[in-house]
Amino acid sequence: PFFGVNAATVTALPRIAQLLRAPVVPAIIRQLPGGRGYVIRAYPAWDNYPSGDFEADTRRMNAFIEERILEMPEQYLWLHKRFKTRPEGEARFY
């Protein structure tokens, strides 16, 4: 789910982290007002990630992204068709 709506989401992050036995250190880039540059914020590495449950790991990733969008909605690319791929039988958004 992404903001409570089922969304097709690539499971590459937990798969690659598992394959490489690499920690995942999430980072978010914020554009400064007036286009004066960017600031990157790195968050602590996720504990127990990947967990081995790629669906749960992907939900965790989406939840993290949702939290960052809620912090700065003006920075999100709202034109991206996030819900283009729909589960079978569900109506299209676009």
N, C-alpha and C. Protein backbone atom coordinates (compact mmCIF):
# COMPACT_ATOMS: atom_id res chain seq x y z
N PRO A 1 0.82 -1.21 0.00
CA PRO A 1 0.00 0.00 0.00
C PRO A 1 0.86 1.27 0.00
N PHE A 2 0.33 2.28 -0.65
CA PHE A 2 0.97 3.60 -0.69
C PHE A 2 -0.13 4.60 -0.43
N PHE A 3 -0.07 5.25 0.74
CA PHE A 3 -1.14 6.13 1.21
C PHE A 3 -2.48 5.39 1.20
N GLY A 4 -2.47 4.13 1.62
CA GLY A 4 -3.69 3.36 1.76
C GLY A 4 -4.24 2.77 0.49
N VAL A 5 -3.54 2.94 -0.62
CA VAL A 5 -3.99 2.41 -1.90
C VAL A 5 -2.98 1.38 -2.37
N ASN A 6 -3.46 0.20 -2.77
CA ASN A 6 -2.54 -0.80 -3.30
C ASN A 6 -1.82 -0.25 -4.52
N ALA A 7 -0.51 -0.41 -4.53
CA ALA A 7 0.30 0.13 -5.62
C ALA A 7 1.39 -0.87 -5.98
N ALA A 8 1.59 -1.05 -7.27
CA ALA A 8 2.68 -1.89 -7.73
C ALA A 8 3.99 -1.24 -7.29
N THR A 9 4.84 -2.00 -6.64
CA THR A 9 6.09 -1.46 -6.11
C THR A 9 7.21 -2.45 -6.39
N VAL A 10 8.29 -1.99 -6.92
CA VAL A 10 9.45 -2.82 -7.22
C VAL A 10 10.08 -3.29 -5.90
N THR A 11 10.40 -4.57 -5.82
CA THR A 11 11.01 -5.14 -4.60
C THR A 11 12.53 -5.21 -4.69
N ALA A 12 13.10 -4.40 -5.56
CA ALA A 12 14.54 -4.47 -5.78
C ALA A 12 15.35 -4.11 -4.54
N LEU A 13 14.91 -3.13 -3.76
CA LEU A 13 15.71 -2.69 -2.61
C LEU A 13 15.99 -3.84 -1.63
N PRO A 14 14.99 -4.52 -1.11
CA PRO A 14 15.31 -5.61 -0.18
C PRO A 14 16.05 -6.77 -0.86
N ARG A 15 15.76 -7.02 -2.12
CA ARG A 15 16.45 -8.12 -2.82
C ARG A 15 17.94 -7.83 -2.99
N ILE A 16 18.26 -6.62 -3.39
CA ILE A 16 19.68 -6.25 -3.57
C ILE A 16 20.38 -6.20 -2.22
N ALA A 17 19.72 -5.64 -1.21
CA ALA A 17 20.33 -5.58 0.12
C ALA A 17 20.62 -6.98 0.64
N GLN A 18 19.70 -7.92 0.40
CA GLN A 18 19.91 -9.30 0.84
C GLN A 18 21.05 -9.94 0.07
N LEU A 19 21.05 -9.77 -1.24
CA LEU A 19 22.08 -10.37 -2.09
C LEU A 19 23.47 -9.88 -1.71
N LEU A 20 23.59 -8.58 -1.44
CA LEU A 20 24.90 -7.99 -1.13
C LEU A 20 25.21 -7.95 0.36
N ARG A 21 24.21 -8.35 1.18
CA ARG A 21 24.35 -8.27 2.63
C ARG A 21 24.75 -6.86 3.05
N ALA A 22 24.06 -5.90 2.43
CA ALA A 22 24.38 -4.49 2.63
C ALA A 22 23.34 -3.83 3.52
N PRO A 23 23.76 -2.93 4.38
CA PRO A 23 22.77 -2.16 5.15
C PRO A 23 22.07 -1.17 4.24
N VAL A 24 20.85 -0.84 4.60
CA VAL A 24 20.10 0.18 3.86
C VAL A 24 20.09 1.44 4.71
N VAL A 25 20.66 2.49 4.15
CA VAL A 25 20.72 3.79 4.81
C VAL A 25 19.88 4.74 3.96
N PRO A 26 18.63 4.98 4.36
CA PRO A 26 17.78 5.85 3.55
C PRO A 26 18.27 7.29 3.58
N ALA A 27 18.08 7.95 2.45
CA ALA A 27 18.47 9.35 2.34
C ALA A 27 17.43 10.08 1.50
N ILE A 28 17.17 11.31 1.86
CA ILE A 28 16.20 12.15 1.16
C ILE A 28 16.88 13.45 0.76
N ILE A 29 16.60 13.87 -0.45
CA ILE A 29 17.15 15.14 -0.95
C ILE A 29 16.03 16.16 -0.99
N ARG A 30 16.30 17.33 -0.45
CA ARG A 30 15.34 18.44 -0.44
C ARG A 30 15.92 19.58 -1.26
N GLN A 31 15.11 20.12 -2.15
CA GLN A 31 15.54 21.29 -2.92
C GLN A 31 15.35 22.53 -2.07
N LEU A 32 16.34 23.39 -2.05
CA LEU A 32 16.28 24.63 -1.29
C LEU A 32 15.38 25.64 -2.00
N PRO A 33 14.78 26.56 -1.25
CA PRO A 33 13.92 27.58 -1.86
C PRO A 33 14.65 28.36 -2.94
N GLY A 34 13.90 28.69 -3.98
CA GLY A 34 14.49 29.48 -5.06
C GLY A 34 15.48 28.71 -5.91
N GLY A 35 15.51 27.39 -5.77
CA GLY A 35 16.44 26.59 -6.56
C GLY A 35 17.89 26.85 -6.22
N ARG A 36 18.17 27.23 -4.96
CA ARG A 36 19.53 27.57 -4.54
C ARG A 36 20.40 26.37 -4.20
N GLY A 37 19.95 25.19 -4.55
CA GLY A 37 20.75 24.01 -4.27
C GLY A 37 19.92 22.95 -3.59
N TYR A 38 20.61 21.98 -3.01
CA TYR A 38 19.96 20.83 -2.41
C TYR A 38 20.61 20.50 -1.07
N VAL A 39 19.84 19.85 -0.22
CA VAL A 39 20.35 19.35 1.05
C VAL A 39 19.98 17.88 1.11
N ILE A 40 20.93 17.06 1.47
CA ILE A 40 20.66 15.64 1.62
C ILE A 40 20.63 15.30 3.10
N ARG A 41 19.66 14.49 3.49
CA ARG A 41 19.57 14.03 4.87
C ARG A 41 19.62 12.51 4.86
N ALA A 42 20.61 11.96 5.53
CA ALA A 42 20.73 10.52 5.69
C ALA A 42 20.10 10.13 7.02
N TYR A 43 19.35 9.05 7.01
CA TYR A 43 18.70 8.53 8.21
C TYR A 43 19.49 7.33 8.71
N PRO A 44 19.26 6.91 9.93
CA PRO A 44 19.97 5.72 10.43
C PRO A 44 19.64 4.49 9.59
N ALA A 45 20.63 3.61 9.49
CA ALA A 45 20.42 2.35 8.77
C ALA A 45 19.25 1.60 9.40
N TRP A 46 18.46 0.95 8.57
CA TRP A 46 17.31 0.19 9.06
C TRP A 46 17.77 -1.10 9.71
N ASP A 47 17.29 -1.35 10.92
CA ASP A 47 17.55 -2.62 11.60
C ASP A 47 16.69 -3.71 10.98
N ASN A 48 17.22 -4.92 10.96
CA ASN A 48 16.49 -6.10 10.47
C ASN A 48 15.91 -5.86 9.07
N TYR A 49 16.73 -5.29 8.21
CA TYR A 49 16.31 -5.05 6.84
C TYR A 49 17.42 -5.47 5.91
N PRO A 50 17.15 -6.35 5.01
CA PRO A 50 15.85 -6.96 4.74
C PRO A 50 15.53 -8.04 5.77
N SER A 51 14.25 -8.26 5.94
CA SER A 51 13.79 -9.25 6.93
C SER A 51 13.65 -10.64 6.33
N GLY A 52 13.70 -10.72 4.99
CA GLY A 52 13.46 -11.99 4.32
C GLY A 52 12.05 -12.06 3.76
N ASP A 53 11.19 -11.15 4.17
CA ASP A 53 9.83 -11.06 3.64
C ASP A 53 9.81 -9.83 2.73
N PHE A 54 9.98 -10.05 1.43
CA PHE A 54 10.11 -8.93 0.50
C PHE A 54 8.87 -8.04 0.47
N GLU A 55 7.69 -8.62 0.65
CA GLU A 55 6.48 -7.81 0.66
C GLU A 55 6.45 -6.89 1.88
N ALA A 56 6.79 -7.42 3.04
CA ALA A 56 6.83 -6.60 4.26
C ALA A 56 7.93 -5.54 4.15
N ASP A 57 9.06 -5.91 3.59
CA ASP A 57 10.16 -4.95 3.43
C ASP A 57 9.77 -3.82 2.48
N THR A 58 9.04 -4.15 1.44
CA THR A 58 8.59 -3.15 0.49
C THR A 58 7.55 -2.23 1.13
N ARG A 59 6.67 -2.79 1.96
CA ARG A 59 5.71 -1.96 2.70
C ARG A 59 6.45 -0.98 3.62
N ARG A 60 7.50 -1.47 4.25
CA ARG A 60 8.28 -0.60 5.13
C ARG A 60 8.91 0.55 4.34
N MET A 61 9.44 0.24 3.16
CA MET A 61 10.03 1.26 2.30
C MET A 61 8.97 2.29 1.90
N ASN A 62 7.79 1.81 1.49
CA ASN A 62 6.72 2.74 1.10
C ASN A 62 6.28 3.60 2.27
N ALA A 63 6.20 3.02 3.45
CA ALA A 63 5.81 3.80 4.64
C ALA A 63 6.83 4.90 4.91
N PHE A 64 8.09 4.61 4.76
CA PHE A 64 9.14 5.62 4.95
C PHE A 64 8.97 6.75 3.94
N ILE A 65 8.72 6.39 2.68
CA ILE A 65 8.53 7.41 1.64
C ILE A 65 7.30 8.25 1.95
N GLU A 66 6.21 7.61 2.37
CA GLU A 66 4.99 8.36 2.74
C GLU A 66 5.29 9.39 3.82
N GLU A 67 6.03 8.98 4.84
CA GLU A 67 6.37 9.90 5.94
C GLU A 67 7.14 11.11 5.44
N ARG A 68 8.07 10.89 4.53
CA ARG A 68 8.86 12.00 4.00
C ARG A 68 7.98 12.90 3.12
N ILE A 69 7.08 12.33 2.36
CA ILE A 69 6.17 13.14 1.54
C ILE A 69 5.31 14.01 2.43
N LEU A 70 4.80 13.46 3.52
CA LEU A 70 3.96 14.24 4.44
C LEU A 70 4.75 15.38 5.08
N GLU A 71 6.06 15.20 5.26
CA GLU A 71 6.90 16.26 5.83
C GLU A 71 7.10 17.42 4.86
N MET A 72 7.15 17.09 3.57
CA MET A 72 7.41 18.13 2.56
C MET A 72 6.68 17.79 1.25
N PRO A 73 5.36 17.88 1.26
CA PRO A 73 4.59 17.49 0.07
C PRO A 73 4.92 18.31 -1.17
N GLU A 74 5.41 19.51 -1.00
CA GLU A 74 5.75 20.34 -2.15
C GLU A 74 6.95 19.80 -2.92
N GLN A 75 7.70 18.90 -2.32
CA GLN A 75 8.90 18.36 -2.95
C GLN A 75 8.62 17.07 -3.74
N TYR A 76 7.45 16.49 -3.56
CA TYR A 76 7.14 15.21 -4.23
C TYR A 76 6.73 15.46 -5.68
N LEU A 77 7.09 14.55 -6.56
CA LEU A 77 6.73 14.64 -7.97
C LEU A 77 5.31 14.10 -8.15
N TRP A 78 4.32 14.94 -7.92
CA TRP A 78 2.92 14.53 -7.95
C TRP A 78 2.45 14.14 -9.35
N LEU A 79 3.17 14.52 -10.37
CA LEU A 79 2.77 14.16 -11.73
C LEU A 79 3.08 12.69 -12.04
N HIS A 80 3.92 12.08 -11.23
CA HIS A 80 4.26 10.66 -11.43
C HIS A 80 3.00 9.81 -11.26
N LYS A 81 2.73 8.97 -12.22
CA LYS A 81 1.53 8.12 -12.16
C LYS A 81 1.80 6.90 -11.29
N ARG A 82 1.80 7.11 -10.00
CA ARG A 82 2.14 6.09 -9.00
C ARG A 82 1.18 4.91 -9.01
N PHE A 83 -0.06 5.13 -9.42
CA PHE A 83 -1.07 4.08 -9.37
C PHE A 83 -1.48 3.62 -10.77
N LYS A 84 -0.55 3.70 -11.71
CA LYS A 84 -0.85 3.33 -13.09
C LYS A 84 -1.17 1.84 -13.21
N THR A 85 -0.40 1.00 -12.56
CA THR A 85 -0.65 -0.45 -12.58
C THR A 85 -1.59 -0.78 -11.44
N ARG A 86 -2.75 -1.33 -11.76
CA ARG A 86 -3.78 -1.63 -10.77
C ARG A 86 -3.94 -3.14 -10.60
N PRO A 87 -4.31 -3.58 -9.41
CA PRO A 87 -4.60 -5.00 -9.22
C PRO A 87 -5.77 -5.42 -10.12
N GLU A 88 -5.75 -6.67 -10.51
CA GLU A 88 -6.80 -7.19 -11.39
C GLU A 88 -8.18 -6.92 -10.78
N GLY A 89 -9.07 -6.37 -11.62
CA GLY A 89 -10.42 -6.10 -11.20
C GLY A 89 -10.64 -4.72 -10.60
N GLU A 90 -9.56 -3.99 -10.30
CA GLU A 90 -9.73 -2.64 -9.73
C GLU A 90 -9.74 -1.61 -10.83
N ALA A 91 -10.52 -0.55 -10.61
CA ALA A 91 -10.65 0.52 -11.60
C ALA A 91 -9.33 1.27 -11.77
N ARG A 92 -9.15 1.81 -12.96
CA ARG A 92 -7.97 2.62 -13.25
C ARG A 92 -8.11 3.99 -12.62
N PHE A 93 -6.98 4.60 -12.25
CA PHE A 93 -6.99 5.94 -11.68
C PHE A 93 -6.89 7.02 -12.76
N TYR A 94 -6.24 6.68 -13.87
CA TYR A 94 -5.92 7.69 -14.88
C TYR A 94 -6.63 7.39 -16.17
